[in-house]
Amino acid sequence: MMEELLRQILVKLDKVETNVGQFQSEVRGRFEQMDKRFDRLTNVSHKLTNVLSRLINVLSRLTSVLNKLINVLRKLTNALSRLTNVSHKLMNVLLK
C-alpha cells in the first residue's frame, strides 16, 4: 500500500515536473518574442527620431524662406505704396 502511494506521488511529481518544464519553455519563447518586438520598436523609434529631426530641419528652412518672402513682400508693398502716391500726385498735377 505504501509503495503504491509512493509510486503515485512519483508519477504526479513527474507530471508536475514535465508541466513546469513546458511552462518554462513557453515563458522563454514568449520572452524571446517580446525581445524581438522590443528590438523592432526600438528600430522604429530610431527611424521616427530621424524623420522628426529631418522634419524639424525642413520646417526651420521653410520658416527662413517664409521670413525672407515676407520681407520681400513688405518691400514690394512699400514700393507700390510709394508708386501709388507718386501716381496720385502726378494725376493731381495733370488734372490742374
N, C-alpha and C. Protein backbone atom coordinates (compact mmCIF):
# COMPACT_ATOMS: atom_id res chain seq x y z
N MET A 1 0.82 -1.20 0.00
CA MET A 1 0.00 0.00 0.00
C MET A 1 0.86 1.26 0.00
N MET A 2 1.86 1.29 0.86
CA MET A 2 2.75 2.44 0.94
C MET A 2 3.55 2.61 -0.34
N GLU A 3 3.96 1.51 -0.91
CA GLU A 3 4.73 1.56 -2.15
C GLU A 3 3.86 2.12 -3.29
N GLU A 4 2.60 1.69 -3.31
CA GLU A 4 1.68 2.19 -4.34
C GLU A 4 1.47 3.69 -4.20
N LEU A 5 1.33 4.15 -2.98
CA LEU A 5 1.14 5.58 -2.70
C LEU A 5 2.38 6.36 -3.13
N LEU A 6 3.54 5.84 -2.82
CA LEU A 6 4.80 6.49 -3.22
C LEU A 6 4.92 6.52 -4.74
N ARG A 7 4.54 5.42 -5.39
CA ARG A 7 4.59 5.37 -6.86
C ARG A 7 3.65 6.42 -7.46
N GLN A 8 2.46 6.56 -6.93
CA GLN A 8 1.50 7.55 -7.42
C GLN A 8 2.04 8.97 -7.22
N ILE A 9 2.67 9.19 -6.07
CA ILE A 9 3.26 10.51 -5.80
C ILE A 9 4.37 10.80 -6.80
N LEU A 10 5.21 9.81 -7.07
CA LEU A 10 6.29 9.99 -8.03
C LEU A 10 5.76 10.26 -9.44
N VAL A 11 4.69 9.57 -9.82
CA VAL A 11 4.09 9.79 -11.14
C VAL A 11 3.56 11.22 -11.23
N LYS A 12 2.89 11.65 -10.15
CA LYS A 12 2.36 13.02 -10.13
C LYS A 12 3.49 14.04 -10.14
N LEU A 13 4.55 13.77 -9.41
CA LEU A 13 5.71 14.67 -9.42
C LEU A 13 6.33 14.75 -10.81
N ASP A 14 6.41 13.62 -11.50
CA ASP A 14 6.93 13.61 -12.87
C ASP A 14 6.06 14.48 -13.78
N LYS A 15 4.73 14.38 -13.62
CA LYS A 15 3.82 15.18 -14.42
C LYS A 15 3.99 16.67 -14.12
N VAL A 16 4.13 16.97 -12.81
CA VAL A 16 4.33 18.37 -12.42
C VAL A 16 5.64 18.89 -13.00
N GLU A 17 6.69 18.08 -12.92
CA GLU A 17 7.99 18.47 -13.45
C GLU A 17 7.92 18.70 -14.96
N THR A 18 7.20 17.82 -15.66
CA THR A 18 7.03 17.97 -17.10
C THR A 18 6.26 19.25 -17.41
N ASN A 19 5.18 19.49 -16.66
CA ASN A 19 4.39 20.70 -16.88
C ASN A 19 5.21 21.95 -16.59
N VAL A 20 6.00 21.92 -15.54
CA VAL A 20 6.85 23.08 -15.21
C VAL A 20 7.86 23.31 -16.33
N GLY A 21 8.43 22.24 -16.85
CA GLY A 21 9.38 22.37 -17.96
C GLY A 21 8.73 22.96 -19.19
N GLN A 22 7.52 22.52 -19.51
CA GLN A 22 6.80 23.07 -20.65
C GLN A 22 6.48 24.55 -20.42
N PHE A 23 6.07 24.85 -19.20
CA PHE A 23 5.75 26.24 -18.87
C PHE A 23 6.99 27.13 -19.02
N GLN A 24 8.13 26.65 -18.50
CA GLN A 24 9.38 27.41 -18.63
C GLN A 24 9.73 27.63 -20.10
N SER A 25 9.54 26.59 -20.90
CA SER A 25 9.84 26.71 -22.32
C SER A 25 8.93 27.73 -22.98
N GLU A 26 7.64 27.70 -22.64
CA GLU A 26 6.70 28.67 -23.20
C GLU A 26 7.05 30.09 -22.76
N VAL A 27 7.41 30.23 -21.49
CA VAL A 27 7.78 31.56 -20.98
C VAL A 27 9.02 32.08 -21.70
N ARG A 28 10.01 31.21 -21.88
CA ARG A 28 11.22 31.63 -22.61
C ARG A 28 10.87 32.06 -24.03
N GLY A 29 10.00 31.27 -24.69
CA GLY A 29 9.58 31.62 -26.05
C GLY A 29 8.87 32.96 -26.09
N ARG A 30 8.02 33.20 -25.12
CA ARG A 30 7.30 34.48 -25.07
C ARG A 30 8.27 35.64 -24.83
N PHE A 31 9.23 35.43 -23.94
CA PHE A 31 10.21 36.49 -23.70
C PHE A 31 11.07 36.76 -24.93
N GLU A 32 11.39 35.70 -25.66
CA GLU A 32 12.14 35.90 -26.90
C GLU A 32 11.32 36.71 -27.90
N GLN A 33 10.02 36.39 -28.00
CA GLN A 33 9.15 37.17 -28.88
C GLN A 33 9.09 38.63 -28.43
N MET A 34 8.97 38.83 -27.12
CA MET A 34 8.92 40.20 -26.59
C MET A 34 10.22 40.95 -26.89
N ASP A 35 11.35 40.25 -26.74
CA ASP A 35 12.64 40.88 -27.06
C ASP A 35 12.71 41.29 -28.52
N LYS A 36 12.24 40.41 -29.41
CA LYS A 36 12.24 40.74 -30.84
C LYS A 36 11.35 41.93 -31.13
N ARG A 37 10.16 41.93 -30.52
CA ARG A 37 9.25 43.06 -30.71
C ARG A 37 9.84 44.34 -30.15
N PHE A 38 10.48 44.24 -29.01
CA PHE A 38 11.11 45.42 -28.43
C PHE A 38 12.21 45.95 -29.34
N ASP A 39 13.01 45.04 -29.91
CA ASP A 39 14.05 45.45 -30.85
C ASP A 39 13.44 46.16 -32.06
N ARG A 40 12.33 45.60 -32.58
CA ARG A 40 11.67 46.24 -33.71
C ARG A 40 11.14 47.62 -33.33
N LEU A 41 10.54 47.71 -32.15
CA LEU A 41 10.03 49.00 -31.68
C LEU A 41 11.16 50.00 -31.49
N THR A 42 12.30 49.52 -31.00
CA THR A 42 13.45 50.40 -30.83
C THR A 42 13.92 50.91 -32.18
N ASN A 43 13.96 50.03 -33.18
CA ASN A 43 14.36 50.44 -34.53
C ASN A 43 13.38 51.46 -35.10
N VAL A 44 12.10 51.19 -34.91
CA VAL A 44 11.08 52.13 -35.40
C VAL A 44 11.23 53.46 -34.69
N SER A 45 11.50 53.41 -33.40
CA SER A 45 11.68 54.65 -32.63
C SER A 45 12.86 55.46 -33.16
N HIS A 46 13.96 54.78 -33.46
CA HIS A 46 15.13 55.47 -34.02
C HIS A 46 14.80 56.09 -35.38
N LYS A 47 14.07 55.34 -36.19
CA LYS A 47 13.70 55.86 -37.51
C LYS A 47 12.78 57.07 -37.37
N LEU A 48 11.83 56.99 -36.46
CA LEU A 48 10.94 58.13 -36.23
C LEU A 48 11.71 59.34 -35.72
N THR A 49 12.68 59.10 -34.86
CA THR A 49 13.51 60.19 -34.36
C THR A 49 14.25 60.86 -35.50
N ASN A 50 14.79 60.05 -36.42
CA ASN A 50 15.49 60.61 -37.58
C ASN A 50 14.54 61.39 -38.48
N VAL A 51 13.34 60.85 -38.68
CA VAL A 51 12.35 61.55 -39.52
C VAL A 51 11.97 62.87 -38.87
N LEU A 52 11.73 62.85 -37.57
CA LEU A 52 11.36 64.08 -36.87
C LEU A 52 12.49 65.10 -36.93
N SER A 53 13.71 64.64 -36.81
CA SER A 53 14.86 65.54 -36.90
C SER A 53 14.91 66.20 -38.28
N ARG A 54 14.70 65.40 -39.32
CA ARG A 54 14.69 65.96 -40.68
C ARG A 54 13.53 66.93 -40.85
N LEU A 55 12.38 66.57 -40.30
CA LEU A 55 11.21 67.43 -40.41
C LEU A 55 11.46 68.77 -39.71
N ILE A 56 12.09 68.73 -38.56
CA ILE A 56 12.43 69.97 -37.85
C ILE A 56 13.36 70.82 -38.71
N ASN A 57 14.32 70.17 -39.36
CA ASN A 57 15.26 70.88 -40.23
C ASN A 57 14.51 71.52 -41.40
N VAL A 58 13.61 70.75 -42.01
CA VAL A 58 12.83 71.27 -43.14
C VAL A 58 11.97 72.44 -42.69
N LEU A 59 11.31 72.30 -41.55
CA LEU A 59 10.47 73.37 -41.04
C LEU A 59 11.29 74.63 -40.72
N SER A 60 12.47 74.43 -40.20
CA SER A 60 13.34 75.57 -39.92
C SER A 60 13.72 76.29 -41.22
N ARG A 61 14.08 75.51 -42.23
CA ARG A 61 14.43 76.12 -43.52
C ARG A 61 13.22 76.80 -44.15
N LEU A 62 12.05 76.17 -44.04
CA LEU A 62 10.83 76.75 -44.57
C LEU A 62 10.50 78.06 -43.86
N THR A 63 10.68 78.09 -42.55
CA THR A 63 10.46 79.32 -41.79
C THR A 63 11.38 80.43 -42.27
N SER A 64 12.62 80.07 -42.52
CA SER A 64 13.58 81.06 -43.02
C SER A 64 13.16 81.59 -44.38
N VAL A 65 12.75 80.70 -45.26
CA VAL A 65 12.30 81.12 -46.60
C VAL A 65 11.06 82.00 -46.49
N LEU A 66 10.12 81.60 -45.64
CA LEU A 66 8.90 82.40 -45.48
C LEU A 66 9.21 83.78 -44.91
N ASN A 67 10.14 83.85 -43.97
CA ASN A 67 10.53 85.16 -43.42
C ASN A 67 11.13 86.05 -44.51
N LYS A 68 11.96 85.45 -45.36
CA LYS A 68 12.55 86.22 -46.46
C LYS A 68 11.46 86.69 -47.42
N LEU A 69 10.50 85.80 -47.70
CA LEU A 69 9.40 86.16 -48.59
C LEU A 69 8.57 87.29 -47.99
N ILE A 70 8.32 87.23 -46.70
CA ILE A 70 7.56 88.30 -46.02
C ILE A 70 8.30 89.62 -46.15
N ASN A 71 9.61 89.60 -45.97
CA ASN A 71 10.39 90.84 -46.11
C ASN A 71 10.32 91.38 -47.53
N VAL A 72 10.40 90.49 -48.52
CA VAL A 72 10.30 90.93 -49.92
C VAL A 72 8.91 91.52 -50.17
N LEU A 73 7.87 90.86 -49.66
CA LEU A 73 6.52 91.37 -49.85
C LEU A 73 6.32 92.72 -49.16
N ARG A 74 6.91 92.90 -48.00
CA ARG A 74 6.84 94.21 -47.32
C ARG A 74 7.49 95.30 -48.17
N LYS A 75 8.67 94.96 -48.69
CA LYS A 75 9.37 95.94 -49.53
C LYS A 75 8.55 96.25 -50.78
N LEU A 76 7.96 95.22 -51.37
CA LEU A 76 7.13 95.40 -52.55
C LEU A 76 5.90 96.26 -52.22
N THR A 77 5.29 95.98 -51.07
CA THR A 77 4.14 96.76 -50.64
C THR A 77 4.52 98.23 -50.45
N ASN A 78 5.66 98.46 -49.81
CA ASN A 78 6.14 99.84 -49.61
C ASN A 78 6.41 100.52 -50.95
N ALA A 79 7.04 99.78 -51.86
CA ALA A 79 7.33 100.36 -53.18
C ALA A 79 6.04 100.67 -53.92
N LEU A 80 5.07 99.77 -53.87
CA LEU A 80 3.78 100.01 -54.53
C LEU A 80 3.05 101.19 -53.88
N SER A 81 3.16 101.31 -52.58
CA SER A 81 2.53 102.45 -51.88
C SER A 81 3.16 103.76 -52.34
N ARG A 82 4.50 103.77 -52.43
CA ARG A 82 5.18 104.98 -52.90
C ARG A 82 4.79 105.28 -54.35
N LEU A 83 4.71 104.25 -55.17
CA LEU A 83 4.34 104.41 -56.57
C LEU A 83 2.90 104.95 -56.68
N THR A 84 2.04 104.44 -55.81
CA THR A 84 0.65 104.94 -55.80
C THR A 84 0.62 106.41 -55.42
N ASN A 85 1.42 106.79 -54.42
CA ASN A 85 1.47 108.19 -54.00
C ASN A 85 1.98 109.07 -55.14
N VAL A 86 3.02 108.61 -55.81
CA VAL A 86 3.56 109.38 -56.93
C VAL A 86 2.51 109.47 -58.04
N SER A 87 1.82 108.37 -58.28
CA SER A 87 0.79 108.35 -59.31
C SER A 87 -0.34 109.35 -58.98
N HIS A 88 -0.74 109.39 -57.71
CA HIS A 88 -1.78 110.34 -57.30
C HIS A 88 -1.29 111.78 -57.48
N LYS A 89 -0.07 112.03 -57.10
CA LYS A 89 0.48 113.38 -57.25
C LYS A 89 0.54 113.77 -58.72
N LEU A 90 0.96 112.82 -59.55
CA LEU A 90 1.05 113.08 -60.98
C LEU A 90 -0.35 113.35 -61.56
N MET A 91 -1.33 112.59 -61.14
CA MET A 91 -2.71 112.79 -61.60
C MET A 91 -3.20 114.18 -61.18
N ASN A 92 -2.88 114.55 -59.95
CA ASN A 92 -3.29 115.88 -59.47
C ASN A 92 -2.66 116.99 -60.29
N VAL A 93 -1.39 116.82 -60.61
CA VAL A 93 -0.71 117.83 -61.42
C VAL A 93 -1.32 117.88 -62.82
N LEU A 94 -1.57 116.71 -63.39
CA LEU A 94 -2.12 116.65 -64.74
C LEU A 94 -3.55 117.19 -64.81
N LEU A 95 -4.30 117.00 -63.73
CA LEU A 95 -5.69 117.44 -63.73
C LEU A 95 -5.85 118.94 -63.45
N LYS A 96 -4.81 119.60 -63.02
CA LYS A 96 -4.90 121.05 -62.72
C LYS A 96 -4.74 121.87 -63.93
